[in-house]
C-alpha atoms as a PDB file:
ATOM      1  CA  MET A   1       0.088  -0.115   0.002  1.00  0.00           C
ATOM      2  CA  VAL A   2       2.971   2.244   0.979  1.00  0.00           C
ATOM      3  CA  LYS A   3       4.868   1.449  -2.173  1.00  0.00           C
ATOM      4  CA  GLU A   4       1.317   2.328  -4.130  1.00  0.00           C
ATOM      5  CA  GLN A   5       0.912   5.675  -2.384  1.00  0.00           C
ATOM      6  CA  LYS A   6       4.939   6.590  -3.115  1.00  0.00           C
ATOM      7  CA  LYS A   7       4.244   5.625  -6.679  1.00  0.00           C
ATOM      8  CA  LEU A   8       1.113   8.008  -7.117  1.00  0.00           C
ATOM      9  CA  PHE A   9       2.689  10.682  -5.292  1.00  0.00           C
ATOM     10  CA  SER A  10       5.168  10.669  -7.628  1.00  0.00           C
ATOM     11  CA  GLN A  11       3.106  10.515 -10.850  1.00  0.00           C
ATOM     12  CA  LEU A  12       1.199  13.475  -9.361  1.00  0.00           C
ATOM     13  CA  LYS A  13       4.237  15.251  -8.687  1.00  0.00           C
ATOM     14  CA  GLN A  14       5.552  15.002 -12.422  1.00  0.00           C
ATOM     15  CA  LEU A  15       1.886  16.016 -13.708  1.00  0.00           C
ATOM     16  CA  GLY A  16       2.094  19.176 -11.424  1.00  0.00           C
ATOM     17  CA  ALA A  17       5.639  19.821 -12.903  1.00  0.00           C
ATOM     18  CA  GLU A  18       4.616  19.424 -16.129  1.00  0.00           C
ATOM     19  CA  VAL A  19       1.492  21.515 -16.039  1.00  0.00           C
ATOM     20  CA  LEU A  20       3.438  24.154 -14.421  1.00  0.00           C
ATOM     21  CA  GLN A  21       6.213  24.009 -17.241  1.00  0.00           C
ATOM     22  CA  ILE A  22       2.788  24.656 -19.593  1.00  0.00           C
ATOM     23  CA  ILE A  23       1.678  27.439 -17.751  1.00  0.00           C
ATOM     24  CA  TYR A  24       5.674  29.032 -17.119  1.00  0.00           C
ATOM     25  CA  PRO A  25       7.638  26.889 -19.262  1.00  0.00           C
ATOM     26  CA  ASN A  26      11.375  26.886 -18.488  1.00  0.00           C
ATOM     27  CA  VAL A  27      13.301  27.404 -21.859  1.00  0.00           C
ATOM     28  CA  CYS A  28      16.311  25.898 -23.356  1.00  0.00           C
ATOM     29  CA  LEU A  29      19.093  28.869 -22.575  1.00  0.00           C
ATOM     30  CA  ALA A  30      20.671  28.106 -25.964  1.00  0.00           C
ATOM     31  CA  CYS A  31      17.976  27.909 -28.516  1.00  0.00           C
ATOM     32  CA  GLY A  32      14.736  29.196 -26.602  1.00  0.00           C
ATOM     33  CA  ASN A  33      12.622  26.434 -27.024  1.00  0.00           C
ATOM     34  CA  ALA A  34      10.709  24.837 -24.026  1.00  0.00           C
ATOM     35  CA  LEU A  35      12.455  22.155 -22.152  1.00  0.00           C
ATOM     36  CA  SER A  36      11.161  18.691 -21.899  1.00  0.00           C
ATOM     37  CA  TRP A  37      10.466  17.386 -18.355  1.00  0.00           C
ATOM     38  CA  GLY A  38      13.739  16.617 -16.435  1.00  0.00           C
ATOM     39  CA  GLN A  39      16.083  18.801 -18.864  1.00  0.00           C
ATOM     40  CA  GLU A  40      18.010  21.503 -17.151  1.00  0.00           C
ATOM     41  CA  TYR A  41      18.995  24.659 -18.804  1.00  0.00           C
ATOM     42  CA  ILE A  42      19.919  22.887 -22.461  1.00  0.00           C
ATOM     43  CA  CYS A  43      17.352  21.139 -24.567  1.00  0.00           C
ATOM     44  CA  LEU A  44      18.638  17.762 -25.415  1.00  0.00           C
ATOM     45  CA  ALA A  45      18.768  18.652 -29.048  1.00  0.00           C
ATOM     46  CA  CYS A  46      21.181  21.732 -28.354  1.00  0.00           C
ATOM     47  CA  LEU A  47      23.055  19.100 -26.132  1.00  0.00           C
ATOM     48  CA  GLN A  48      23.740  17.018 -28.963  1.00  0.00           C
ATOM     49  CA  ASN A  49      24.765  19.300 -31.635  1.00  0.00           C
ATOM     50  CA  LEU A  50      26.471  22.325 -30.086  1.00  0.00           C
ATOM     51  CA  PRO A  51      29.832  23.153 -31.273  1.00  0.00           C
ATOM     52  CA  TYR A  52      32.082  21.079 -29.137  1.00  0.00           C
ATOM     53  CA  THR A  53      36.125  21.179 -29.397  1.00  0.00           C
ATOM     54  CA  ARG A  54      36.914  17.869 -28.305  1.00  0.00           C
ATOM     55  CA  TYR A  55      40.001  19.272 -27.249  1.00  0.00           C
ATOM     56  CA  TRP A  56      39.889  16.836 -24.439  1.00  0.00           C
ATOM     57  CA  GLU A  57      40.901  14.112 -26.639  1.00  0.00           C
ATOM     58  CA  ILE A  58      43.568  15.971 -28.741  1.00  0.00           C
ATOM     59  CA  GLU A  59      46.947  17.008 -27.310  1.00  0.00           C
ATOM     60  CA  ASP A  60      48.428  19.919 -29.004  1.00  0.00           C
ATOM     61  CA  ASN A  61      45.098  21.005 -30.045  1.00  0.00           C
ATOM     62  CA  PRO A  62      44.486  24.308 -32.009  1.00  0.00           C
ATOM     63  CA  MET A  63      44.100  26.223 -28.356  1.00  0.00           C
ATOM     64  CA  GLU A  64      47.050  24.740 -26.920  1.00  0.00           C
ATOM     65  CA  MET A  65      48.908  25.806 -30.076  1.00  0.00           C
ATOM     66  CA  HIS A  66      47.479  29.608 -29.625  1.00  0.00           C
ATOM     67  CA  LEU A  67      49.055  29.620 -26.072  1.00  0.00           C
ATOM     68  CA  TRP A  68      52.313  28.229 -26.900  1.00  0.00           C
ATOM     69  CA  GLY A  69      55.470  30.050 -26.216  1.00  0.00           C
ATOM     70  CA  ARG A  70      53.299  32.435 -24.093  1.00  0.00           C
ATOM     71  CA  PHE A  71      53.581  30.531 -20.694  1.00  0.00           C
ATOM     72  CA  LYS A  72      54.305  27.280 -19.390  1.00  0.00           C
ATOM     73  CA  PHE A  73      51.568  24.878 -19.260  1.00  0.00           C
ATOM     74  CA  GLU A  74      50.569  21.164 -19.416  1.00  0.00           C
ATOM     75  CA  ARG A  75      47.145  20.964 -21.366  1.00  0.00           C
ATOM     76  CA  ALA A  76      44.598  23.601 -22.392  1.00  0.00           C
ATOM     77  CA  VAL A  77      40.812  22.572 -23.491  1.00  0.00           C
ATOM     78  CA  ALA A  78      37.603  24.391 -24.139  1.00  0.00           C
ATOM     79  CA  LEU A  79      33.998  22.707 -23.954  1.00  0.00           C
ATOM     80  CA  PHE A  80      32.615  24.855 -27.018  1.00  0.00           C
ATOM     81  CA  HIS A  81      34.066  26.763 -30.238  1.00  0.00           C
ATOM     82  CA  PHE A  82      32.364  30.457 -29.859  1.00  0.00           C
ATOM     83  CA  GLU A  83      30.323  31.281 -32.584  1.00  0.00           C
ATOM     84  CA  LYS A  84      28.961  35.189 -32.932  1.00  0.00           C
ATOM     85  CA  SER A  85      25.481  35.269 -32.452  1.00  0.00           C
ATOM     86  CA  GLY A  86      25.116  31.406 -32.148  1.00  0.00           C
ATOM     87  CA  LYS A  87      23.966  29.246 -29.128  1.00  0.00           C
ATOM     88  CA  VAL A  88      27.294  29.459 -27.316  1.00  0.00           C
ATOM     89  CA  GLN A  89      27.080  33.272 -27.267  1.00  0.00           C
ATOM     90  CA  ASN A  90      23.288  32.608 -26.126  1.00  0.00           C
ATOM     91  CA  LEU A  91      24.615  30.434 -23.277  1.00  0.00           C
ATOM     92  CA  LEU A  92      27.288  32.993 -21.989  1.00  0.00           C
ATOM     93  CA  HIS A  93      25.178  35.945 -22.284  1.00  0.00           C
ATOM     94  CA  GLU A  94      22.668  34.159 -19.731  1.00  0.00           C
ATOM     95  CA  LEU A  95      25.745  33.098 -17.387  1.00  0.00           C
ATOM     96  CA  LYS A  96      27.050  36.409 -17.147  1.00  0.00           C
ATOM     97  CA  TYR A  97      24.101  39.196 -17.659  1.00  0.00           C
ATOM     98  CA  ARG A  98      20.591  37.417 -17.070  1.00  0.00           C
ATOM     99  CA  ASN A  99      21.594  36.286 -13.396  1.00  0.00           C
ATOM    100  CA  GLN A 100      22.246  32.318 -14.168  1.00  0.00           C
ATOM    101  CA  PRO A 101      25.016  31.276 -12.010  1.00  0.00           C
ATOM    102  CA  GLN A 102      24.313  27.684 -11.802  1.00  0.00           C
ATOM    103  CA  LEU A 103      24.216  27.510 -15.726  1.00  0.00           C
ATOM    104  CA  GLY A 104      27.988  28.081 -15.160  1.00  0.00           C
ATOM    105  CA  VAL A 105      27.960  24.780 -12.608  1.00  0.00           C
ATOM    106  CA  PHE A 106      26.318  22.822 -15.197  1.00  0.00           C
ATOM    107  CA  LEU A 107      28.479  23.495 -17.882  1.00  0.00           C
ATOM    108  CA  GLY A 108      31.442  22.909 -15.605  1.00  0.00           C
ATOM    109  CA  LYS A 109      30.127  19.639 -14.856  1.00  0.00           C
ATOM    110  CA  LEU A 110      29.642  18.521 -18.582  1.00  0.00           C
ATOM    111  CA  LEU A 111      33.376  19.605 -19.634  1.00  0.00           C
ATOM    112  CA  GLY A 112      34.551  17.846 -16.409  1.00  0.00           C
ATOM    113  CA  ARG A 113      33.017  14.585 -17.395  1.00  0.00           C
ATOM    114  CA  LYS A 114      34.309  14.885 -20.578  1.00  0.00           C
ATOM    115  CA  MET A 115      37.941  15.562 -19.511  1.00  0.00           C
ATOM    116  CA  LYS A 116      37.722  13.074 -16.713  1.00  0.00           C
ATOM    117  CA  GLU A 117      36.994  10.264 -19.585  1.00  0.00           C
ATOM    118  CA  ASN A 118      39.430  11.195 -21.881  1.00  0.00           C
ATOM    119  CA  MET A 119      42.605  12.682 -20.060  1.00  0.00           C
ATOM    120  CA  PRO A 120      44.870  12.684 -17.362  1.00  0.00           C
ATOM    121  CA  CYS A 121      42.736  14.947 -14.278  1.00  0.00           C
ATOM    122  CA  GLN A 122      45.047  15.145 -11.299  1.00  0.00           C
ATOM    123  CA  TYR A 123      44.922  18.460 -10.675  1.00  0.00           C
ATOM    124  CA  ASP A 124      45.212  19.775  -6.940  1.00  0.00           C
ATOM    125  CA  THR A 125      43.488  23.128  -6.925  1.00  0.00           C
ATOM    126  CA  ILE A 126      40.937  25.083  -9.502  1.00  0.00           C
ATOM    127  CA  ILE A 127      41.607  28.764  -9.479  1.00  0.00           C
ATOM    128  CA  PRO A 128      38.879  30.761 -11.448  1.00  0.00           C
ATOM    129  CA  VAL A 129      40.066  34.108 -13.060  1.00  0.00           C
ATOM    130  CA  PRO A 130      38.651  36.743 -10.645  1.00  0.00           C
ATOM    131  CA  LEU A 131      36.447  39.891 -11.055  1.00  0.00           C
ATOM    132  CA  HIS A 132      37.258  43.217  -9.689  1.00  0.00           C
ATOM    133  CA  PRO A 133      35.148  43.899  -6.493  1.00  0.00           C
ATOM    134  CA  GLN A 134      33.409  46.223  -8.522  1.00  0.00           C
ATOM    135  CA  ARG A 135      32.172  44.175 -11.088  1.00  0.00           C
ATOM    136  CA  MET A 136      31.735  41.406  -8.531  1.00  0.00           C
ATOM    137  CA  LEU A 137      29.210  43.823  -6.758  1.00  0.00           C
ATOM    138  CA  GLU A 138      27.363  44.657  -9.558  1.00  0.00           C
ATOM    139  CA  ARG A 139      26.932  40.821 -11.325  1.00  0.00           C
ATOM    140  CA  GLY A 140      26.412  39.306  -7.450  1.00  0.00           C
ATOM    141  CA  TYR A 141      28.585  36.389  -8.767  1.00  0.00           C
ATOM    142  CA  ASN A 142      32.098  35.423 -10.740  1.00  0.00           C
ATOM    143  CA  GLN A 143      31.074  33.397 -13.708  1.00  0.00           C
ATOM    144  CA  ALA A 144      34.492  31.703 -14.075  1.00  0.00           C
ATOM    145  CA  LYS A 145      34.000  30.656 -10.341  1.00  0.00           C
ATOM    146  CA  MET A 146      30.568  28.983 -10.698  1.00  0.00           C
ATOM    147  CA  PHE A 147      32.176  26.933 -14.097  1.00  0.00           C
ATOM    148  CA  ALA A 148      34.798  26.382 -11.472  1.00  0.00           C
ATOM    149  CA  LEU A 149      32.474  24.833  -8.847  1.00  0.00           C
ATOM    150  CA  GLY A 150      31.019  22.548 -11.664  1.00  0.00           C
ATOM    151  CA  LEU A 151      34.355  20.926 -12.703  1.00  0.00           C
ATOM    152  CA  SER A 152      35.529  20.726  -9.061  1.00  0.00           C
ATOM    153  CA  GLU A 153      32.519  18.155  -8.158  1.00  0.00           C
ATOM    154  CA  VAL A 154      33.221  16.355 -11.040  1.00  0.00           C
ATOM    155  CA  LEU A 155      37.222  16.235 -11.047  1.00  0.00           C
ATOM    156  CA  GLU A 156      37.060  16.409  -6.783  1.00  0.00           C
ATOM    157  CA  CYS A 157      39.450  18.794  -6.190  1.00  0.00           C
ATOM    158  CA  GLU A 158      39.350  22.153  -4.419  1.00  0.00           C
ATOM    159  CA  VAL A 159      38.324  25.596  -6.080  1.00  0.00           C
ATOM    160  CA  ALA A 160      40.619  28.537  -4.590  1.00  0.00           C
ATOM    161  CA  GLU A 161      39.048  32.183  -5.029  1.00  0.00           C
ATOM    162  CA  ASP A 162      41.170  33.956  -2.646  1.00  0.00           C
ATOM    163  CA  ILE A 163      44.784  33.264  -4.053  1.00  0.00           C
ATOM    164  CA  LEU A 164      44.565  35.006  -7.454  1.00  0.00           C
ATOM    165  CA  ILE A 165      43.442  38.663  -6.990  1.00  0.00           C
ATOM    166  CA  ARG A 166      42.082  41.468  -9.482  1.00  0.00           C
ATOM    167  CA  SER A 167      43.344  44.243  -7.724  1.00  0.00           C
ATOM    168  CA  LYS A 168      42.879  46.989 -10.266  1.00  0.00           C
ATOM    169  CA  ALA A 169      39.769  47.224 -12.595  1.00  0.00           C
ATOM    170  CA  SER A 170      40.240  47.225 -16.287  1.00  0.00           C
ATOM    171  CA  PRO A 171      38.007  48.689 -19.416  1.00  0.00           C
ATOM    172  CA  THR A 172      36.457  45.712 -21.206  1.00  0.00           C
ATOM    173  CA  GLN A 173      38.349  43.746 -23.709  1.00  0.00           C
ATOM    174  CA  THR A 174      35.918  43.888 -26.515  1.00  0.00           C
ATOM    175  CA  LYS A 175      37.257  45.327 -29.951  1.00  0.00           C
ATOM    176  CA  LYS A 176      40.802  45.549 -28.607  1.00  0.00           C
ATOM    177  CA  THR A 177      43.879  44.110 -30.681  1.00  0.00           C
ATOM    178  CA  LEU A 178      46.025  41.583 -28.751  1.00  0.00           C
ATOM    179  CA  PHE A 179      48.742  44.138 -27.763  1.00  0.00           C
ATOM    180  CA  GLU A 180      45.968  46.263 -26.687  1.00  0.00           C
ATOM    181  CA  ARG A 181      44.670  43.239 -24.775  1.00  0.00           C
ATOM    182  CA  LEU A 182      47.957  42.054 -23.196  1.00  0.00           C
ATOM    183  CA  ASP A 183      48.312  46.243 -22.218  1.00  0.00           C
ATOM    184  CA  ASN A 184      44.994  46.280 -20.601  1.00  0.00           C
ATOM    185  CA  VAL A 185      45.317  43.704 -18.231  1.00  0.00           C
ATOM    186  CA  ALA A 186      49.221  44.011 -17.168  1.00  0.00           C
ATOM    187  CA  ASN A 187      49.733  44.137 -13.622  1.00  0.00           C
ATOM    188  CA  ILE A 188      46.379  44.092 -12.626  1.00  0.00           C
ATOM    189  CA  PHE A 189      46.260  40.421 -10.811  1.00  0.00           C
ATOM    190  CA  GLU A 190      48.268  39.393  -7.794  1.00  0.00           C
ATOM    191  CA  ILE A 191      48.855  36.364  -5.453  1.00  0.00           C
ATOM    192  CA  LYS A 192      48.034  36.260  -2.162  1.00  0.00           C
ATOM    193  CA  ASP A 193      49.594  33.279   0.101  1.00  0.00           C
ATOM    194  CA  SER A 194      51.736  31.827  -2.534  1.00  0.00           C
ATOM    195  CA  ALA A 195      53.134  28.975  -0.326  1.00  0.00           C
ATOM    196  CA  ARG A 196      49.701  27.219  -1.248  1.00  0.00           C
ATOM    197  CA  LEU A 197      50.763  26.847  -4.748  1.00  0.00           C
ATOM    198  CA  ASN A 198      53.773  25.235  -4.588  1.00  0.00           C
ATOM    199  CA  ASP A 199      54.254  21.691  -5.798  1.00  0.00           C
ATOM    200  CA  LYS A 200      50.781  22.014  -6.862  1.00  0.00           C
ATOM    201  CA  HIS A 201      48.910  21.145 -10.190  1.00  0.00           C
ATOM    202  CA  ILE A 202      46.708  24.340 -10.798  1.00  0.00           C
ATOM    203  CA  LEU A 203      43.765  24.398 -13.386  1.00  0.00           C
ATOM    204  CA  LEU A 204      43.216  27.972 -14.244  1.00  0.00           C
ATOM    205  CA  VAL A 205      39.978  28.748 -15.449  1.00  0.00           C
ATOM    206  CA  ASP A 206      37.744  31.541 -17.323  1.00  0.00           C
ATOM    207  CA  ASP A 207      34.667  31.743 -19.260  1.00  0.00           C
ATOM    208  CA  VAL A 208      35.927  32.611 -22.772  1.00  0.00           C
ATOM    209  CA  LEU A 209      39.643  32.431 -24.281  1.00  0.00           C
ATOM    210  CA  THR A 210      39.789  34.800 -27.319  1.00  0.00           C
ATOM    211  CA  THR A 211      43.533  36.468 -27.567  1.00  0.00           C
ATOM    212  CA  GLY A 212      44.371  34.790 -24.490  1.00  0.00           C
ATOM    213  CA  ALA A 213      45.630  37.906 -22.897  1.00  0.00           C
ATOM    214  CA  THR A 214      43.701  37.696 -19.527  1.00  0.00           C
ATOM    215  CA  ILE A 215      44.761  33.782 -19.244  1.00  0.00           C
ATOM    216  CA  GLU A 216      48.295  34.860 -19.931  1.00  0.00           C
ATOM    217  CA  SER A 217      48.535  37.386 -17.305  1.00  0.00           C
ATOM    218  CA  CYS A 218      47.162  35.489 -14.616  1.00  0.00           C
ATOM    219  CA  ALA A 219      49.129  32.281 -15.615  1.00  0.00           C
ATOM    220  CA  ASN A 220      52.349  34.766 -15.282  1.00  0.00           C
ATOM    221  CA  GLU A 221      51.390  35.808 -11.705  1.00  0.00           C
ATOM    222  CA  LEU A 222      50.971  32.162 -10.874  1.00  0.00           C
ATOM    223  CA  ILE A 223      54.274  30.986 -12.117  1.00  0.00           C
ATOM    224  CA  LYS A 224      56.301  33.517 -10.745  1.00  0.00           C
ATOM    225  CA  ALA A 225      54.718  33.019  -7.099  1.00  0.00           C
ATOM    226  CA  GLY A 226      55.470  29.225  -7.077  1.00  0.00           C
ATOM    227  CA  THR A 227      56.770  25.936  -8.585  1.00  0.00           C
ATOM    228  CA  ILE A 228      53.372  24.830 -10.167  1.00  0.00           C
ATOM    229  CA  ARG A 229      52.244  22.831 -13.012  1.00  0.00           C
ATOM    230  CA  LEU A 230      49.609  24.719 -14.982  1.00  0.00           C
ATOM    231  CA  SER A 231      46.646  23.652 -16.941  1.00  0.00           C
ATOM    232  CA  ILE A 232      43.817  25.629 -18.599  1.00  0.00           C
ATOM    233  CA  ALA A 233      39.912  25.061 -19.398  1.00  0.00           C
ATOM    234  CA  THR A 234      37.350  27.438 -20.449  1.00  0.00           C
ATOM    235  CA  ILE A 235      33.614  27.311 -21.472  1.00  0.00           C
ATOM    236  CA  ALA A 236      34.329  28.349 -24.889  1.00  0.00           C
ATOM    237  CA  VAL A 237      37.284  29.471 -27.391  1.00  0.00           C
ATOM    238  CA  ALA A 238      37.006  32.093 -30.110  1.00  0.00           C
END
């Protein structure tokens, strides 16, 4: 009898959720279509067809080659190729500007599973690229940290947001050349408690890699501060 009641309750709960979905539909943050029961943030069709890089399967991948010679690192991977006005841009816009922090966690788990299945992932600490305190106050959360939290859940390592600090605000990187971007982010990061870095494998994460100027600036500060191994992960690469 109890088993039947539990089954009935579960069926009623699902029915109620489906009715609520019709009245107030959750939509896919990539394409805007209504999500089916049990789907979160991204519909199944988009999950299957988004522009995955598959860089977790490829050593010396294009993202790594883009960063060669700029700082020492082991691996660099991104979940998606960035497409202007495409679905990945929609996801990043929702994450950064539409108060969808948990989308970052979802994407971090998605990439974490792909990395864990296809490459060595023995990281000690995940460090998100930090926001300036003023930008953090405006947005309410750091999208790179949310992405890091999803990765850490799958890869089973800590997230440390108090080691790498953004000490100066910087103008937007949009429409700047590589050299302008490098100058724009020069000397705006600093390290706190560098002893925590020694002999660690650090996974440095951000939302998007375009020219790589921000990642390069962060990486150089981390490398100067301690004897580390460094890898990179982002949601998207342009």
